């Protein structure tokens, strides 16, 4: 049981970094859209911030689950 919890914690830790890739891709596409249509800058910026916050929330959730599994694996 301890080994499975620690393996799950390690796999959950991978999920913490993955939203960074999504945020980078979303920011890239938002900047491309702003370059193509400068008049849409305000709308794209607001939507980009909202999407980045949602992606970061998934990363924080994965981090919390990983911490809980790690704590479960340390108990005898």
N, C-alpha and C. Protein backbone atom coordinates (compact mmCIF):
# COMPACT_ATOMS: atom_id res chain seq x y z
N UNK A 1 0.83 -1.20 0.00
CA UNK A 1 0.00 0.00 0.00
C UNK A 1 0.87 1.26 0.00
N UNK A 2 1.95 1.24 0.80
CA UNK A 2 2.83 2.41 0.86
C UNK A 2 3.50 2.66 -0.48
N UNK A 3 3.95 1.58 -1.12
CA UNK A 3 4.65 1.75 -2.40
C UNK A 3 3.70 2.31 -3.46
N UNK A 4 2.48 1.82 -3.48
CA UNK A 4 1.51 2.31 -4.47
C UNK A 4 1.19 3.79 -4.23
N UNK A 5 1.09 4.18 -2.95
CA UNK A 5 0.81 5.58 -2.64
C UNK A 5 1.97 6.47 -3.07
N UNK A 6 3.20 6.00 -2.85
CA UNK A 6 4.36 6.81 -3.24
C UNK A 6 4.51 6.89 -4.76
N UNK A 7 4.20 5.81 -5.45
CA UNK A 7 4.24 5.84 -6.91
C UNK A 7 3.17 6.80 -7.43
N UNK A 8 1.98 6.75 -6.84
CA UNK A 8 0.92 7.68 -7.22
C UNK A 8 1.29 9.12 -6.95
N UNK A 9 2.00 9.36 -5.83
CA UNK A 9 2.44 10.72 -5.52
C UNK A 9 3.45 11.20 -6.56
N UNK A 10 4.34 10.32 -6.98
CA UNK A 10 5.31 10.69 -8.01
C UNK A 10 4.65 10.99 -9.34
N UNK A 11 3.68 10.18 -9.71
CA UNK A 11 2.95 10.43 -10.96
C UNK A 11 2.12 11.71 -10.87
N UNK A 12 1.57 11.96 -9.68
CA UNK A 12 0.82 13.21 -9.49
C UNK A 12 1.71 14.43 -9.58
N UNK A 13 2.98 14.28 -9.17
CA UNK A 13 3.92 15.39 -9.26
C UNK A 13 4.20 15.75 -10.71
N UNK A 14 4.13 14.78 -11.60
CA UNK A 14 4.30 15.07 -13.03
C UNK A 14 3.16 15.98 -13.50
N UNK A 15 1.97 15.73 -12.98
CA UNK A 15 0.81 16.53 -13.37
C UNK A 15 0.90 17.98 -12.93
N UNK A 16 1.82 18.29 -12.02
CA UNK A 16 1.97 19.67 -11.58
C UNK A 16 2.64 20.50 -12.67
N UNK A 17 3.56 19.92 -13.42
CA UNK A 17 4.27 20.67 -14.44
C UNK A 17 3.56 20.76 -15.77
N UNK A 18 2.65 19.86 -16.02
CA UNK A 18 1.98 19.81 -17.33
C UNK A 18 1.16 21.07 -17.62
N UNK A 19 0.47 21.68 -16.65
CA UNK A 19 -0.26 22.91 -16.99
C UNK A 19 0.63 24.03 -17.49
N UNK A 20 1.91 24.00 -17.15
CA UNK A 20 2.83 25.01 -17.67
C UNK A 20 2.92 24.95 -19.18
N UNK A 21 2.87 23.75 -19.73
CA UNK A 21 2.89 23.59 -21.18
C UNK A 21 1.63 24.21 -21.78
N UNK A 22 0.49 23.92 -21.16
CA UNK A 22 -0.78 24.47 -21.65
C UNK A 22 -0.82 25.99 -21.57
N UNK A 23 -0.29 26.54 -20.49
CA UNK A 23 -0.26 28.00 -20.34
C UNK A 23 0.64 28.61 -21.41
N UNK A 24 1.76 27.98 -21.68
CA UNK A 24 2.66 28.48 -22.72
C UNK A 24 2.02 28.46 -24.10
N UNK A 25 1.32 27.38 -24.41
CA UNK A 25 0.65 27.29 -25.71
C UNK A 25 -0.47 28.33 -25.81
N UNK A 26 -1.24 28.49 -24.73
CA UNK A 26 -2.34 29.47 -24.75
C UNK A 26 -1.79 30.89 -24.90
N UNK A 27 -0.70 31.20 -24.21
CA UNK A 27 -0.11 32.53 -24.32
C UNK A 27 0.42 32.77 -25.73
N UNK A 28 1.02 31.74 -26.30
CA UNK A 28 1.53 31.86 -27.67
C UNK A 28 0.42 32.17 -28.66
N UNK A 29 -0.68 31.44 -28.53
CA UNK A 29 -1.80 31.66 -29.46
C UNK A 29 -2.45 33.03 -29.23
N UNK A 30 -2.51 33.47 -27.97
CA UNK A 30 -3.09 34.78 -27.70
C UNK A 30 -2.22 35.88 -28.31
N UNK A 31 -0.91 35.75 -28.19
CA UNK A 31 -0.02 36.75 -28.78
C UNK A 31 -0.11 36.74 -30.31
N UNK A 32 -0.26 35.57 -30.90
CA UNK A 32 -0.44 35.50 -32.35
C UNK A 32 -1.73 36.20 -32.77
N UNK A 33 -2.79 35.99 -31.99
CA UNK A 33 -4.06 36.65 -32.29
C UNK A 33 -3.97 38.15 -32.14
N UNK A 34 -3.22 38.62 -31.12
CA UNK A 34 -3.05 40.06 -30.92
C UNK A 34 -2.24 40.67 -32.06
N UNK A 35 -1.28 39.92 -32.57
CA UNK A 35 -0.47 40.43 -33.68
C UNK A 35 -1.30 40.53 -34.96
N UNK A 36 -2.21 39.59 -35.14
CA UNK A 36 -3.05 39.61 -36.34
C UNK A 36 -4.15 40.67 -36.27
N UNK A 37 -4.77 40.78 -35.09
CA UNK A 37 -5.89 41.72 -34.91
C UNK A 37 -5.66 42.54 -33.64
N UNK A 38 -4.93 43.63 -33.74
CA UNK A 38 -4.63 44.44 -32.54
C UNK A 38 -5.87 44.98 -31.84
N UNK A 39 -6.97 45.15 -32.56
CA UNK A 39 -8.19 45.68 -31.92
C UNK A 39 -8.83 44.68 -30.97
N UNK A 40 -8.45 43.42 -31.05
CA UNK A 40 -9.00 42.38 -30.16
C UNK A 40 -8.11 42.14 -28.94
N UNK A 41 -7.12 43.00 -28.73
CA UNK A 41 -6.15 42.76 -27.67
C UNK A 41 -6.79 42.65 -26.30
N UNK A 42 -7.70 43.54 -25.96
CA UNK A 42 -8.33 43.52 -24.64
C UNK A 42 -9.10 42.23 -24.39
N UNK A 43 -9.87 41.82 -25.37
CA UNK A 43 -10.67 40.60 -25.23
C UNK A 43 -9.78 39.36 -25.13
N UNK A 44 -8.74 39.30 -25.96
CA UNK A 44 -7.84 38.15 -25.93
C UNK A 44 -7.07 38.09 -24.61
N UNK A 45 -6.68 39.25 -24.09
CA UNK A 45 -5.93 39.28 -22.84
C UNK A 45 -6.79 38.77 -21.68
N UNK A 46 -8.02 39.21 -21.62
CA UNK A 46 -8.91 38.77 -20.54
C UNK A 46 -9.17 37.27 -20.63
N UNK A 47 -9.48 36.79 -21.83
CA UNK A 47 -9.71 35.35 -22.00
C UNK A 47 -8.46 34.55 -21.69
N UNK A 48 -7.30 35.05 -22.08
CA UNK A 48 -6.04 34.35 -21.80
C UNK A 48 -5.77 34.23 -20.31
N UNK A 49 -6.05 35.28 -19.58
CA UNK A 49 -5.84 35.24 -18.12
C UNK A 49 -6.79 34.25 -17.48
N UNK A 50 -8.03 34.23 -17.92
CA UNK A 50 -9.01 33.28 -17.37
C UNK A 50 -8.59 31.85 -17.65
N UNK A 51 -8.18 31.56 -18.88
CA UNK A 51 -7.77 30.20 -19.22
C UNK A 51 -6.50 29.80 -18.47
N UNK A 52 -5.57 30.73 -18.31
CA UNK A 52 -4.34 30.42 -17.56
C UNK A 52 -4.67 30.10 -16.10
N UNK A 53 -5.61 30.84 -15.53
CA UNK A 53 -6.00 30.57 -14.14
C UNK A 53 -6.65 29.19 -14.01
N UNK A 54 -7.48 28.82 -14.98
CA UNK A 54 -8.11 27.50 -14.93
C UNK A 54 -7.08 26.39 -15.08
N UNK A 55 -6.10 26.58 -15.96
CA UNK A 55 -5.06 25.55 -16.13
C UNK A 55 -4.20 25.45 -14.88
N UNK A 56 -3.91 26.59 -14.27
CA UNK A 56 -3.09 26.58 -13.05
C UNK A 56 -3.85 25.92 -11.91
N UNK A 57 -5.17 26.08 -11.87
CA UNK A 57 -5.96 25.42 -10.83
C UNK A 57 -5.85 23.90 -10.95
N UNK A 58 -5.81 23.38 -12.17
CA UNK A 58 -5.63 21.94 -12.35
C UNK A 58 -4.27 21.49 -11.83
N UNK A 59 -3.25 22.30 -12.05
CA UNK A 59 -1.92 21.97 -11.53
C UNK A 59 -1.89 21.98 -10.01
N UNK A 60 -2.56 22.95 -9.41
CA UNK A 60 -2.62 22.99 -7.94
C UNK A 60 -3.39 21.80 -7.39
N UNK A 61 -4.45 21.41 -8.07
CA UNK A 61 -5.20 20.24 -7.64
C UNK A 61 -4.33 18.98 -7.69
N UNK A 62 -3.56 18.82 -8.77
CA UNK A 62 -2.65 17.67 -8.88
C UNK A 62 -1.61 17.72 -7.77
N UNK A 63 -1.13 18.90 -7.43
CA UNK A 63 -0.15 19.04 -6.36
C UNK A 63 -0.74 18.63 -5.01
N UNK A 64 -1.96 19.04 -4.73
CA UNK A 64 -2.59 18.69 -3.46
C UNK A 64 -2.85 17.18 -3.37
N UNK A 65 -3.30 16.58 -4.45
CA UNK A 65 -3.51 15.13 -4.46
C UNK A 65 -2.18 14.41 -4.25
N UNK A 66 -1.13 14.91 -4.88
CA UNK A 66 0.19 14.32 -4.74
C UNK A 66 0.66 14.40 -3.29
N UNK A 67 0.44 15.54 -2.65
CA UNK A 67 0.83 15.68 -1.25
C UNK A 67 0.06 14.72 -0.35
N UNK A 68 -1.22 14.57 -0.61
CA UNK A 68 -2.03 13.65 0.20
C UNK A 68 -1.56 12.22 0.01
N UNK A 69 -1.26 11.83 -1.21
CA UNK A 69 -0.78 10.47 -1.45
C UNK A 69 0.59 10.25 -0.81
N UNK A 70 1.44 11.27 -0.85
CA UNK A 70 2.75 11.15 -0.23
C UNK A 70 2.61 10.97 1.28
N UNK A 71 1.70 11.74 1.89
CA UNK A 71 1.46 11.59 3.32
C UNK A 71 0.88 10.23 3.65
N UNK A 72 0.04 9.69 2.78
CA UNK A 72 -0.53 8.36 2.99
C UNK A 72 0.56 7.29 2.90
N UNK A 73 1.52 7.50 2.03
CA UNK A 73 2.60 6.53 1.86
C UNK A 73 3.58 6.53 3.01
N UNK A 74 3.65 7.62 3.77
CA UNK A 74 4.60 7.69 4.88
C UNK A 74 4.05 7.09 6.17
N UNK A 75 2.75 6.91 6.26
CA UNK A 75 2.19 6.33 7.48
C UNK A 75 2.45 4.83 7.50
N UNK A 76 2.79 4.29 8.67
CA UNK A 76 3.08 2.84 8.72
C UNK A 76 1.86 1.98 8.59
